[in-house]
Amino acid sequence: MKQIKFLSIAALTTFSLLSCSGPVHVQKDDSANLANYHTYMWVDSRANDQDKSAKPTAYVDLSVRNAVNAELSKRGWKEVPDNPDVLLSYDVLVERTTERQSDPVYTQPFTRVYYNPYTRRWGTIYYPSRFIGYQTYEVPVKEGTVTLTMMDAKTDKTVWQGWTTERLNYSRITEKEISKSVKNILQKLEAS
């Protein structure tokens, strides 16, 4: 009995944790066999060849690369300095959006005093609050989108791309949120 109780609590906890993460989207080249790829190398993505500016998101750069390196090494991939199977790049986008929320609205409860002429007493009637509708309003939120792209090193053709968008808890994207997003994205790589 205790084992059934423990398993049901574990299943409920796992389900609740998985339901909190955003959906992961994947695009894959059907002609590419991802089982043939085992090594990768990071490439920087810039707007053009003359763009020599430093990235303003060095913290995010380090966090994404560390999270991806850790997840890919768990899956048997290896980062190499030259002659890789795939070229790996990423993109992080933090944007401000609004989210519609609704709160129920109720009337104020009140009492009414009345006189009963038959019993010659005063009485009180209590009227509870009643539901009268919803108040809808917009709330500003921040969402972070992490995109991972894998390109074949020989053909420069994109063979796999995965991305997820999640609501951010703080004003900046945290390392924990990046790790969670990367893990969710790369779980789809195994399924591809």
N, C-alpha and C. Protein backbone atom coordinates (compact mmCIF):
# COMPACT_ATOMS: atom_id res chain seq x y z
N MET A 1 0.82 -1.19 0.00
CA MET A 1 0.00 0.00 0.00
C MET A 1 0.86 1.25 0.00
N LYS A 2 1.95 1.23 0.81
CA LYS A 2 2.84 2.38 0.87
C LYS A 2 3.53 2.60 -0.47
N GLN A 3 3.85 1.50 -1.17
CA GLN A 3 4.53 1.62 -2.45
C GLN A 3 3.60 2.24 -3.49
N ILE A 4 2.34 1.89 -3.48
CA ILE A 4 1.37 2.47 -4.40
C ILE A 4 1.21 3.96 -4.12
N LYS A 5 1.15 4.32 -2.86
CA LYS A 5 1.03 5.72 -2.47
C LYS A 5 2.26 6.51 -2.93
N PHE A 6 3.45 5.93 -2.72
CA PHE A 6 4.69 6.59 -3.13
C PHE A 6 4.75 6.76 -4.64
N LEU A 7 4.37 5.71 -5.39
CA LEU A 7 4.40 5.80 -6.85
C LEU A 7 3.41 6.81 -7.38
N SER A 8 2.24 6.90 -6.77
CA SER A 8 1.26 7.88 -7.23
C SER A 8 1.73 9.30 -6.94
N ILE A 9 2.37 9.53 -5.80
CA ILE A 9 2.91 10.86 -5.49
C ILE A 9 4.04 11.20 -6.44
N ALA A 10 4.92 10.24 -6.74
CA ALA A 10 6.02 10.48 -7.67
C ALA A 10 5.49 10.79 -9.07
N ALA A 11 4.47 10.07 -9.51
CA ALA A 11 3.89 10.31 -10.84
C ALA A 11 3.23 11.68 -10.90
N LEU A 12 2.53 12.06 -9.86
CA LEU A 12 1.89 13.37 -9.81
C LEU A 12 2.91 14.49 -9.82
N THR A 13 3.99 14.33 -9.08
CA THR A 13 5.05 15.33 -9.04
C THR A 13 5.71 15.47 -10.41
N THR A 14 6.01 14.34 -11.04
CA THR A 14 6.62 14.37 -12.37
C THR A 14 5.70 15.04 -13.38
N PHE A 15 4.43 14.70 -13.34
CA PHE A 15 3.47 15.30 -14.25
C PHE A 15 3.36 16.80 -14.05
N SER A 16 3.34 17.25 -12.79
CA SER A 16 3.22 18.68 -12.53
C SER A 16 4.46 19.43 -12.96
N LEU A 17 5.65 18.84 -12.80
CA LEU A 17 6.88 19.50 -13.26
C LEU A 17 6.95 19.57 -14.77
N LEU A 18 6.52 18.52 -15.46
CA LEU A 18 6.56 18.52 -16.91
C LEU A 18 5.51 19.46 -17.50
N SER A 19 4.40 19.63 -16.83
CA SER A 19 3.36 20.50 -17.36
C SER A 19 3.72 21.97 -17.23
N CYS A 20 4.71 22.31 -16.40
CA CYS A 20 5.10 23.69 -16.22
C CYS A 20 5.99 24.19 -17.36
N SER A 21 6.66 23.31 -18.06
CA SER A 21 7.56 23.74 -19.11
C SER A 21 6.79 24.05 -20.38
N GLY A 22 7.34 24.98 -21.17
CA GLY A 22 6.71 25.36 -22.42
C GLY A 22 6.89 24.29 -23.47
N PRO A 23 6.08 24.36 -24.52
CA PRO A 23 6.20 23.36 -25.58
C PRO A 23 7.49 23.55 -26.36
N VAL A 24 8.05 22.44 -26.81
CA VAL A 24 9.27 22.46 -27.61
C VAL A 24 8.90 22.17 -29.05
N HIS A 25 9.41 22.99 -29.96
CA HIS A 25 9.15 22.82 -31.38
C HIS A 25 10.43 22.39 -32.07
N VAL A 26 10.31 21.49 -33.03
CA VAL A 26 11.48 20.95 -33.72
C VAL A 26 11.21 20.92 -35.21
N GLN A 27 12.24 21.30 -35.97
CA GLN A 27 12.22 21.12 -37.42
C GLN A 27 13.44 20.29 -37.76
N LYS A 28 13.23 19.26 -38.57
CA LYS A 28 14.31 18.33 -38.91
C LYS A 28 14.31 18.09 -40.40
N ASP A 29 15.51 18.01 -40.95
CA ASP A 29 15.66 17.64 -42.34
C ASP A 29 15.47 16.13 -42.43
N ASP A 30 14.47 15.70 -43.19
CA ASP A 30 14.15 14.27 -43.26
C ASP A 30 15.24 13.46 -43.94
N SER A 31 16.04 14.11 -44.79
CA SER A 31 17.09 13.36 -45.48
C SER A 31 18.32 13.13 -44.59
N ALA A 32 18.42 13.84 -43.48
CA ALA A 32 19.59 13.71 -42.59
C ALA A 32 19.33 12.65 -41.53
N ASN A 33 20.34 11.84 -41.28
CA ASN A 33 20.28 10.81 -40.25
C ASN A 33 21.10 11.32 -39.06
N LEU A 34 20.42 11.72 -37.99
CA LEU A 34 21.11 12.30 -36.83
C LEU A 34 21.95 11.28 -36.08
N ALA A 35 21.75 10.01 -36.33
CA ALA A 35 22.57 8.99 -35.67
C ALA A 35 24.01 8.99 -36.19
N ASN A 36 24.22 9.60 -37.35
CA ASN A 36 25.57 9.66 -37.94
C ASN A 36 26.41 10.80 -37.35
N TYR A 37 25.79 11.70 -36.60
CA TYR A 37 26.50 12.85 -36.06
C TYR A 37 26.90 12.59 -34.61
N HIS A 38 28.18 12.83 -34.30
CA HIS A 38 28.66 12.60 -32.94
C HIS A 38 29.58 13.71 -32.44
N THR A 39 30.06 14.58 -33.32
CA THR A 39 30.94 15.68 -32.91
C THR A 39 30.34 16.99 -33.37
N TYR A 40 30.67 18.05 -32.65
CA TYR A 40 30.13 19.37 -32.99
C TYR A 40 31.15 20.45 -32.67
N MET A 41 30.90 21.62 -33.25
CA MET A 41 31.73 22.79 -32.99
C MET A 41 30.79 24.00 -32.96
N TRP A 42 31.04 24.91 -32.04
CA TRP A 42 30.22 26.12 -31.93
C TRP A 42 30.62 27.11 -33.01
N VAL A 43 29.64 27.81 -33.56
CA VAL A 43 29.89 28.90 -34.50
C VAL A 43 29.14 30.12 -33.99
N ASP A 44 29.74 31.29 -34.21
CA ASP A 44 29.08 32.54 -33.82
C ASP A 44 28.19 33.00 -34.96
N SER A 45 27.03 33.46 -34.61
CA SER A 45 26.13 34.03 -35.63
C SER A 45 26.15 35.54 -35.48
N ARG A 46 26.43 36.19 -36.56
CA ARG A 46 26.48 37.65 -36.59
C ARG A 46 25.59 38.15 -37.72
N ALA A 47 25.25 39.43 -37.65
CA ALA A 47 24.37 40.00 -38.66
C ALA A 47 25.05 40.01 -40.04
N ASN A 48 26.35 40.34 -40.08
CA ASN A 48 27.09 40.33 -41.34
C ASN A 48 28.57 40.15 -41.05
N ASP A 49 29.39 40.07 -42.09
CA ASP A 49 30.82 39.82 -41.92
C ASP A 49 31.56 40.98 -41.27
N GLN A 50 31.05 42.20 -41.42
CA GLN A 50 31.72 43.37 -40.85
C GLN A 50 31.34 43.62 -39.40
N ASP A 51 30.45 42.86 -38.87
CA ASP A 51 29.99 43.04 -37.49
C ASP A 51 31.05 42.47 -36.54
N LYS A 52 31.87 43.35 -35.96
CA LYS A 52 32.94 42.93 -35.04
C LYS A 52 32.60 43.26 -33.59
N SER A 53 31.38 43.70 -33.34
CA SER A 53 31.01 44.11 -31.99
C SER A 53 30.92 42.92 -31.05
N ALA A 54 31.20 43.18 -29.79
CA ALA A 54 31.09 42.14 -28.76
C ALA A 54 29.62 41.92 -28.43
N LYS A 55 29.28 40.69 -28.10
CA LYS A 55 27.90 40.40 -27.75
C LYS A 55 27.58 41.02 -26.39
N PRO A 56 26.44 41.68 -26.27
CA PRO A 56 26.08 42.26 -24.97
C PRO A 56 25.61 41.21 -23.99
N THR A 57 25.44 39.98 -24.42
CA THR A 57 24.89 38.93 -23.57
C THR A 57 25.95 37.86 -23.30
N ALA A 58 27.10 38.27 -22.81
CA ALA A 58 28.18 37.31 -22.55
C ALA A 58 27.77 36.30 -21.48
N TYR A 59 27.01 36.74 -20.49
CA TYR A 59 26.53 35.84 -19.45
C TYR A 59 25.63 34.76 -20.04
N VAL A 60 24.72 35.16 -20.91
CA VAL A 60 23.81 34.21 -21.54
C VAL A 60 24.60 33.28 -22.45
N ASP A 61 25.60 33.81 -23.15
CA ASP A 61 26.43 33.01 -24.04
C ASP A 61 27.09 31.87 -23.27
N LEU A 62 27.69 32.19 -22.17
CA LEU A 62 28.36 31.19 -21.34
C LEU A 62 27.36 30.17 -20.78
N SER A 63 26.21 30.64 -20.32
CA SER A 63 25.20 29.75 -19.75
C SER A 63 24.65 28.78 -20.78
N VAL A 64 24.35 29.28 -21.98
CA VAL A 64 23.80 28.42 -23.02
C VAL A 64 24.83 27.38 -23.44
N ARG A 65 26.05 27.83 -23.67
CA ARG A 65 27.09 26.89 -24.11
C ARG A 65 27.37 25.82 -23.05
N ASN A 66 27.43 26.21 -21.79
CA ASN A 66 27.66 25.22 -20.73
C ASN A 66 26.51 24.22 -20.64
N ALA A 67 25.28 24.71 -20.74
CA ALA A 67 24.12 23.83 -20.64
C ALA A 67 24.07 22.86 -21.83
N VAL A 68 24.33 23.36 -23.03
CA VAL A 68 24.31 22.50 -24.22
C VAL A 68 25.45 21.50 -24.17
N ASN A 69 26.64 21.95 -23.78
CA ASN A 69 27.78 21.03 -23.69
C ASN A 69 27.50 19.91 -22.70
N ALA A 70 26.91 20.24 -21.55
CA ALA A 70 26.60 19.22 -20.54
C ALA A 70 25.56 18.23 -21.07
N GLU A 71 24.51 18.73 -21.71
CA GLU A 71 23.45 17.84 -22.20
C GLU A 71 23.94 16.98 -23.37
N LEU A 72 24.72 17.55 -24.27
CA LEU A 72 25.21 16.76 -25.40
C LEU A 72 26.24 15.72 -24.96
N SER A 73 27.06 16.05 -23.96
CA SER A 73 28.03 15.06 -23.48
C SER A 73 27.31 13.87 -22.82
N LYS A 74 26.17 14.12 -22.18
CA LYS A 74 25.37 13.03 -21.62
C LYS A 74 24.87 12.10 -22.71
N ARG A 75 24.66 12.66 -23.90
CA ARG A 75 24.12 11.88 -25.02
C ARG A 75 25.23 11.30 -25.91
N GLY A 76 26.49 11.45 -25.50
CA GLY A 76 27.60 10.85 -26.23
C GLY A 76 28.22 11.74 -27.30
N TRP A 77 27.81 13.00 -27.37
CA TRP A 77 28.39 13.93 -28.34
C TRP A 77 29.68 14.50 -27.77
N LYS A 78 30.57 14.96 -28.65
CA LYS A 78 31.84 15.50 -28.22
C LYS A 78 32.14 16.79 -28.98
N GLU A 79 32.58 17.82 -28.25
CA GLU A 79 32.97 19.08 -28.89
C GLU A 79 34.41 18.95 -29.38
N VAL A 80 34.64 19.30 -30.64
CA VAL A 80 35.98 19.21 -31.22
C VAL A 80 36.37 20.58 -31.81
N PRO A 81 37.68 20.89 -31.83
CA PRO A 81 38.10 22.19 -32.36
C PRO A 81 38.14 22.25 -33.88
N ASP A 82 38.24 21.10 -34.56
CA ASP A 82 38.25 21.13 -36.03
C ASP A 82 37.65 19.84 -36.58
N ASN A 83 37.16 19.93 -37.81
CA ASN A 83 36.56 18.83 -38.54
C ASN A 83 35.38 18.17 -37.78
N PRO A 84 34.35 18.98 -37.41
CA PRO A 84 33.19 18.41 -36.70
C PRO A 84 32.18 17.82 -37.68
N ASP A 85 31.24 17.07 -37.14
CA ASP A 85 30.12 16.56 -37.95
C ASP A 85 29.07 17.65 -38.16
N VAL A 86 28.79 18.42 -37.09
CA VAL A 86 27.79 19.49 -37.20
C VAL A 86 28.35 20.78 -36.62
N LEU A 87 27.82 21.89 -37.13
CA LEU A 87 28.10 23.21 -36.59
C LEU A 87 26.89 23.61 -35.76
N LEU A 88 27.15 24.06 -34.56
CA LEU A 88 26.07 24.34 -33.61
C LEU A 88 26.02 25.83 -33.32
N SER A 89 24.83 26.40 -33.40
CA SER A 89 24.65 27.82 -33.03
C SER A 89 23.37 27.93 -32.22
N TYR A 90 23.22 29.07 -31.59
CA TYR A 90 22.04 29.28 -30.75
C TYR A 90 21.58 30.72 -30.89
N ASP A 91 20.39 30.97 -30.43
CA ASP A 91 19.85 32.33 -30.39
C ASP A 91 18.96 32.42 -29.16
N VAL A 92 19.07 33.52 -28.43
CA VAL A 92 18.23 33.78 -27.26
C VAL A 92 17.50 35.09 -27.50
N LEU A 93 16.21 35.06 -27.35
CA LEU A 93 15.39 36.25 -27.55
C LEU A 93 14.53 36.45 -26.31
N VAL A 94 14.64 37.62 -25.70
CA VAL A 94 13.79 37.97 -24.56
C VAL A 94 12.90 39.12 -25.02
N GLU A 95 11.62 38.91 -24.94
CA GLU A 95 10.70 39.95 -25.41
C GLU A 95 9.61 40.21 -24.37
N ARG A 96 9.12 41.42 -24.43
CA ARG A 96 8.03 41.82 -23.54
C ARG A 96 6.72 41.63 -24.28
N THR A 97 5.81 40.96 -23.64
CA THR A 97 4.48 40.76 -24.20
C THR A 97 3.46 41.03 -23.10
N THR A 98 2.23 40.86 -23.45
CA THR A 98 1.17 41.00 -22.45
C THR A 98 0.39 39.69 -22.40
N GLU A 99 -0.14 39.45 -21.25
CA GLU A 99 -0.93 38.24 -21.03
C GLU A 99 -2.28 38.67 -20.48
N ARG A 100 -3.33 38.09 -21.01
CA ARG A 100 -4.67 38.43 -20.56
C ARG A 100 -5.02 37.59 -19.35
N GLN A 101 -5.45 38.24 -18.29
CA GLN A 101 -5.88 37.54 -17.08
C GLN A 101 -7.29 37.98 -16.72
N SER A 102 -8.00 37.08 -16.09
CA SER A 102 -9.38 37.37 -15.67
C SER A 102 -9.54 37.01 -14.21
N ASP A 103 -10.17 37.89 -13.49
CA ASP A 103 -10.49 37.64 -12.09
C ASP A 103 -12.00 37.68 -11.92
N PRO A 104 -12.56 36.78 -11.11
CA PRO A 104 -14.00 36.83 -10.87
C PRO A 104 -14.37 38.05 -10.02
N VAL A 105 -15.54 38.58 -10.28
CA VAL A 105 -16.03 39.75 -9.56
C VAL A 105 -17.34 39.36 -8.85
N TYR A 106 -17.42 39.73 -7.58
CA TYR A 106 -18.59 39.41 -6.77
C TYR A 106 -19.17 40.69 -6.18
N THR A 107 -20.47 40.67 -5.88
CA THR A 107 -21.10 41.79 -5.21
C THR A 107 -20.72 41.77 -3.74
N GLN A 108 -20.92 42.87 -3.06
CA GLN A 108 -20.67 42.94 -1.63
C GLN A 108 -21.84 42.28 -0.88
N PRO A 109 -21.56 41.45 0.09
CA PRO A 109 -22.66 40.88 0.87
C PRO A 109 -23.29 41.99 1.75
N PHE A 110 -24.55 41.86 2.02
CA PHE A 110 -25.20 42.85 2.87
C PHE A 110 -26.33 42.20 3.66
N THR A 111 -26.81 42.93 4.66
CA THR A 111 -27.94 42.46 5.47
C THR A 111 -29.07 43.47 5.38
N ARG A 112 -30.28 42.99 5.61
CA ARG A 112 -31.44 43.86 5.56
C ARG A 112 -32.25 43.60 6.83
N VAL A 113 -32.63 44.66 7.47
CA VAL A 113 -33.41 44.55 8.69
C VAL A 113 -34.88 44.75 8.32
N TYR A 114 -35.76 43.92 8.89
CA TYR A 114 -37.19 44.02 8.60
C TYR A 114 -37.98 43.84 9.90
N TYR A 115 -39.20 44.30 9.87
CA TYR A 115 -40.09 44.15 11.03
C TYR A 115 -41.19 43.17 10.66
N ASN A 116 -41.40 42.15 11.52
CA ASN A 116 -42.45 41.16 11.32
C ASN A 116 -43.63 41.56 12.21
N PRO A 117 -44.72 42.03 11.58
CA PRO A 117 -45.84 42.49 12.40
C PRO A 117 -46.57 41.36 13.15
N TYR A 118 -46.48 40.14 12.66
CA TYR A 118 -47.17 39.02 13.34
C TYR A 118 -46.48 38.62 14.63
N THR A 119 -45.12 38.62 14.61
CA THR A 119 -44.39 38.24 15.82
C THR A 119 -43.95 39.46 16.61
N ARG A 120 -44.15 40.64 16.03
CA ARG A 120 -43.76 41.91 16.64
C ARG A 120 -42.28 41.92 17.02
N ARG A 121 -41.46 41.42 16.07
CA ARG A 121 -40.01 41.41 16.27
C ARG A 121 -39.31 41.92 15.02
N TRP A 122 -38.11 42.39 15.30
CA TRP A 122 -37.24 42.79 14.19
C TRP A 122 -36.39 41.59 13.80
N GLY A 123 -36.17 41.40 12.51
CA GLY A 123 -35.36 40.29 12.01
C GLY A 123 -34.31 40.78 11.02
N THR A 124 -33.37 39.93 10.74
CA THR A 124 -32.30 40.27 9.81
C THR A 124 -32.20 39.21 8.74
N ILE A 125 -32.10 39.65 7.49
CA ILE A 125 -31.88 38.75 6.36
C ILE A 125 -30.48 39.01 5.82
N TYR A 126 -29.73 37.94 5.68
CA TYR A 126 -28.37 38.05 5.15
C TYR A 126 -28.39 37.70 3.67
N TYR A 127 -27.86 38.60 2.84
CA TYR A 127 -27.73 38.37 1.41
C TYR A 127 -26.25 38.14 1.10
N PRO A 128 -25.86 36.90 0.73
CA PRO A 128 -24.44 36.64 0.45
C PRO A 128 -24.01 37.29 -0.87
N SER A 129 -22.70 37.34 -1.06
CA SER A 129 -22.19 37.92 -2.30
C SER A 129 -22.56 37.02 -3.47
N ARG A 130 -22.74 37.64 -4.64
CA ARG A 130 -23.12 36.91 -5.84
C ARG A 130 -22.10 37.16 -6.94
N PHE A 131 -21.90 36.16 -7.76
CA PHE A 131 -21.00 36.27 -8.90
C PHE A 131 -21.66 37.12 -9.97
N ILE A 132 -20.95 38.16 -10.43
CA ILE A 132 -21.54 39.03 -11.46
C ILE A 132 -20.74 39.05 -12.76
N GLY A 133 -19.60 38.35 -12.81
CA GLY A 133 -18.85 38.29 -14.06
C GLY A 133 -17.35 38.26 -13.81
N TYR A 134 -16.61 38.61 -14.85
CA TYR A 134 -15.16 38.61 -14.77
C TYR A 134 -14.61 39.99 -15.12
N GLN A 135 -13.54 40.34 -14.47
CA GLN A 135 -12.80 41.55 -14.82
C GLN A 135 -11.56 41.09 -15.58
N THR A 136 -11.44 41.50 -16.83
CA THR A 136 -10.34 41.08 -17.68
C THR A 136 -9.38 42.24 -17.84
N TYR A 137 -8.08 41.93 -17.74
CA TYR A 137 -7.06 42.97 -17.88
C TYR A 137 -5.79 42.37 -18.45
N GLU A 138 -4.92 43.23 -18.95
CA GLU A 138 -3.65 42.82 -19.54
C GLU A 138 -2.53 43.00 -18.52
N VAL A 139 -1.65 42.00 -18.45
CA VAL A 139 -0.52 42.04 -17.53
C VAL A 139 0.77 41.93 -18.36
N PRO A 140 1.72 42.84 -18.17
CA PRO A 140 2.98 42.71 -18.92
C PRO A 140 3.81 41.54 -18.39
N VAL A 141 4.34 40.73 -19.30
CA VAL A 141 5.19 39.60 -18.95
C VAL A 141 6.38 39.58 -19.89
N LYS A 142 7.42 38.87 -19.47
CA LYS A 142 8.59 38.67 -20.33
C LYS A 142 8.67 37.20 -20.69
N GLU A 143 8.96 36.94 -21.95
CA GLU A 143 9.11 35.57 -22.43
C GLU A 143 10.49 35.42 -23.05
N GLY A 144 11.11 34.30 -22.77
CA GLY A 144 12.43 34.01 -23.34
C GLY A 144 12.34 32.85 -24.30
N THR A 145 12.91 33.01 -25.49
CA THR A 145 12.94 31.96 -26.49
C THR A 145 14.38 31.54 -26.72
N VAL A 146 14.65 30.25 -26.56
CA VAL A 146 15.98 29.69 -26.80
C VAL A 146 15.87 28.81 -28.04
N THR A 147 16.74 29.06 -29.03
CA THR A 147 16.75 28.30 -30.27
C THR A 147 18.12 27.67 -30.47
N LEU A 148 18.16 26.38 -30.76
CA LEU A 148 19.40 25.67 -31.07
C LEU A 148 19.32 25.20 -32.52
N THR A 149 20.39 25.44 -33.28
CA THR A 149 20.42 25.07 -34.69
C THR A 149 21.65 24.22 -34.96
N MET A 150 21.45 23.09 -35.64
CA MET A 150 22.56 22.22 -36.04
C MET A 150 22.63 22.21 -37.56
N MET A 151 23.84 22.50 -38.08
CA MET A 151 24.06 22.50 -39.52
C MET A 151 25.11 21.45 -39.85
N ASP A 152 24.92 20.76 -40.95
CA ASP A 152 25.91 19.81 -41.41
C ASP A 152 27.17 20.57 -41.77
N ALA A 153 28.33 20.14 -41.26
CA ALA A 153 29.58 20.87 -41.46
C ALA A 153 30.06 20.81 -42.90
N LYS A 154 29.71 19.77 -43.62
CA LYS A 154 30.18 19.63 -45.00
C LYS A 154 29.33 20.42 -45.98
N THR A 155 28.02 20.48 -45.74
CA THR A 155 27.11 21.11 -46.70
C THR A 155 26.56 22.46 -46.24
N ASP A 156 26.79 22.85 -44.99
CA ASP A 156 26.22 24.07 -44.39
C ASP A 156 24.69 24.09 -44.48
N LYS A 157 24.10 22.95 -44.49
CA LYS A 157 22.65 22.82 -44.57
C LYS A 157 22.12 22.54 -43.16
N THR A 158 21.07 23.25 -42.78
CA THR A 158 20.47 23.04 -41.46
C THR A 158 19.80 21.66 -41.44
N VAL A 159 20.23 20.82 -40.48
CA VAL A 159 19.67 19.47 -40.39
C VAL A 159 18.70 19.32 -39.22
N TRP A 160 18.82 20.20 -38.21
CA TRP A 160 17.93 20.11 -37.05
C TRP A 160 17.87 21.46 -36.35
N GLN A 161 16.67 21.84 -35.95
CA GLN A 161 16.50 23.08 -35.19
C GLN A 161 15.40 22.87 -34.17
N GLY A 162 15.67 23.28 -32.93
CA GLY A 162 14.69 23.16 -31.87
C GLY A 162 14.60 24.44 -31.08
N TRP A 163 13.40 24.79 -30.63
CA TRP A 163 13.23 26.01 -29.85
C TRP A 163 12.07 25.86 -28.88
N THR A 164 12.15 26.65 -27.83
CA THR A 164 11.09 26.69 -26.83
C THR A 164 10.97 28.10 -26.30
N THR A 165 9.77 28.46 -25.91
CA THR A 165 9.49 29.77 -25.33
C THR A 165 8.89 29.56 -23.96
N GLU A 166 9.47 30.23 -22.97
CA GLU A 166 8.96 30.11 -21.61
C GLU A 166 8.82 31.49 -20.99
N ARG A 167 7.89 31.59 -20.08
CA ARG A 167 7.68 32.82 -19.33
C ARG A 167 8.79 32.96 -18.30
N LEU A 168 9.37 34.15 -18.20
CA LEU A 168 10.48 34.38 -17.29
C LEU A 168 9.96 34.87 -15.94
N ASN A 169 10.59 34.41 -14.88
CA ASN A 169 10.18 34.81 -13.54
C ASN A 169 10.81 36.13 -13.11
N TYR A 170 11.95 36.46 -13.69
CA TYR A 170 12.68 37.66 -13.29
C TYR A 170 12.84 38.56 -14.50
N SER A 171 13.44 39.71 -14.29
CA SER A 171 13.60 40.64 -15.40
C SER A 171 14.61 40.13 -16.42
N ARG A 172 15.54 39.27 -15.99
CA ARG A 172 16.52 38.68 -16.90
C ARG A 172 16.36 37.18 -16.92
N ILE A 173 16.84 36.58 -17.98
CA ILE A 173 16.78 35.12 -18.08
C ILE A 173 17.87 34.55 -17.19
N THR A 174 17.53 33.59 -16.36
CA THR A 174 18.48 33.03 -15.40
C THR A 174 19.12 31.77 -15.96
N GLU A 175 20.20 31.37 -15.32
CA GLU A 175 20.92 30.17 -15.74
C GLU A 175 20.05 28.93 -15.57
N LYS A 176 19.23 28.91 -14.54
CA LYS A 176 18.33 27.78 -14.30
C LYS A 176 17.30 27.68 -15.43
N GLU A 177 16.75 28.80 -15.86
CA GLU A 177 15.78 28.79 -16.95
C GLU A 177 16.42 28.37 -18.26
N ILE A 178 17.67 28.80 -18.48
CA ILE A 178 18.38 28.39 -19.70
C ILE A 178 18.63 26.89 -19.69
N SER A 179 19.09 26.36 -18.56
CA SER A 179 19.37 24.93 -18.46
C SER A 179 18.10 24.11 -18.68
N LYS A 180 17.00 24.56 -18.11
CA LYS A 180 15.73 23.86 -18.27
C LYS A 180 15.28 23.87 -19.73
N SER A 181 15.41 25.00 -20.39
CA SER A 181 15.01 25.10 -21.80
C SER A 181 15.89 24.23 -22.68
N VAL A 182 17.21 24.28 -22.45
CA VAL A 182 18.14 23.48 -23.25
C VAL A 182 17.87 21.99 -23.06
N LYS A 183 17.62 21.58 -21.84
CA LYS A 183 17.33 20.17 -21.57
C LYS A 183 16.06 19.73 -22.29
N ASN A 184 15.02 20.57 -22.25
CA ASN A 184 13.77 20.24 -22.93
C ASN A 184 13.96 20.15 -24.44
N ILE A 185 14.75 21.06 -25.00
CA ILE A 185 14.99 21.06 -26.45
C ILE A 185 15.76 19.81 -26.85
N LEU A 186 16.82 19.49 -26.13
CA LEU A 186 17.66 18.37 -26.52
C LEU A 186 17.03 17.01 -26.24
N GLN A 187 15.99 16.98 -25.42
CA GLN A 187 15.22 15.73 -25.28
C GLN A 187 14.54 15.39 -26.59
N LYS A 188 14.16 16.41 -27.34
CA LYS A 188 13.53 16.20 -28.64
C LYS A 188 14.55 15.72 -29.68
N LEU A 189 15.83 16.02 -29.46
CA LEU A 189 16.88 15.56 -30.37
C LEU A 189 16.97 14.04 -30.35
N GLU A 190 16.84 13.45 -29.18
CA GLU A 190 16.87 11.98 -29.06
C GLU A 190 15.68 11.36 -29.77
N ALA A 191 14.54 12.04 -29.71
CA ALA A 191 13.33 11.49 -30.32
C ALA A 191 13.35 11.63 -31.85
N SER A 192 14.21 12.51 -32.36
CA SER A 192 14.25 12.74 -33.82
C SER A 192 14.90 11.61 -34.55
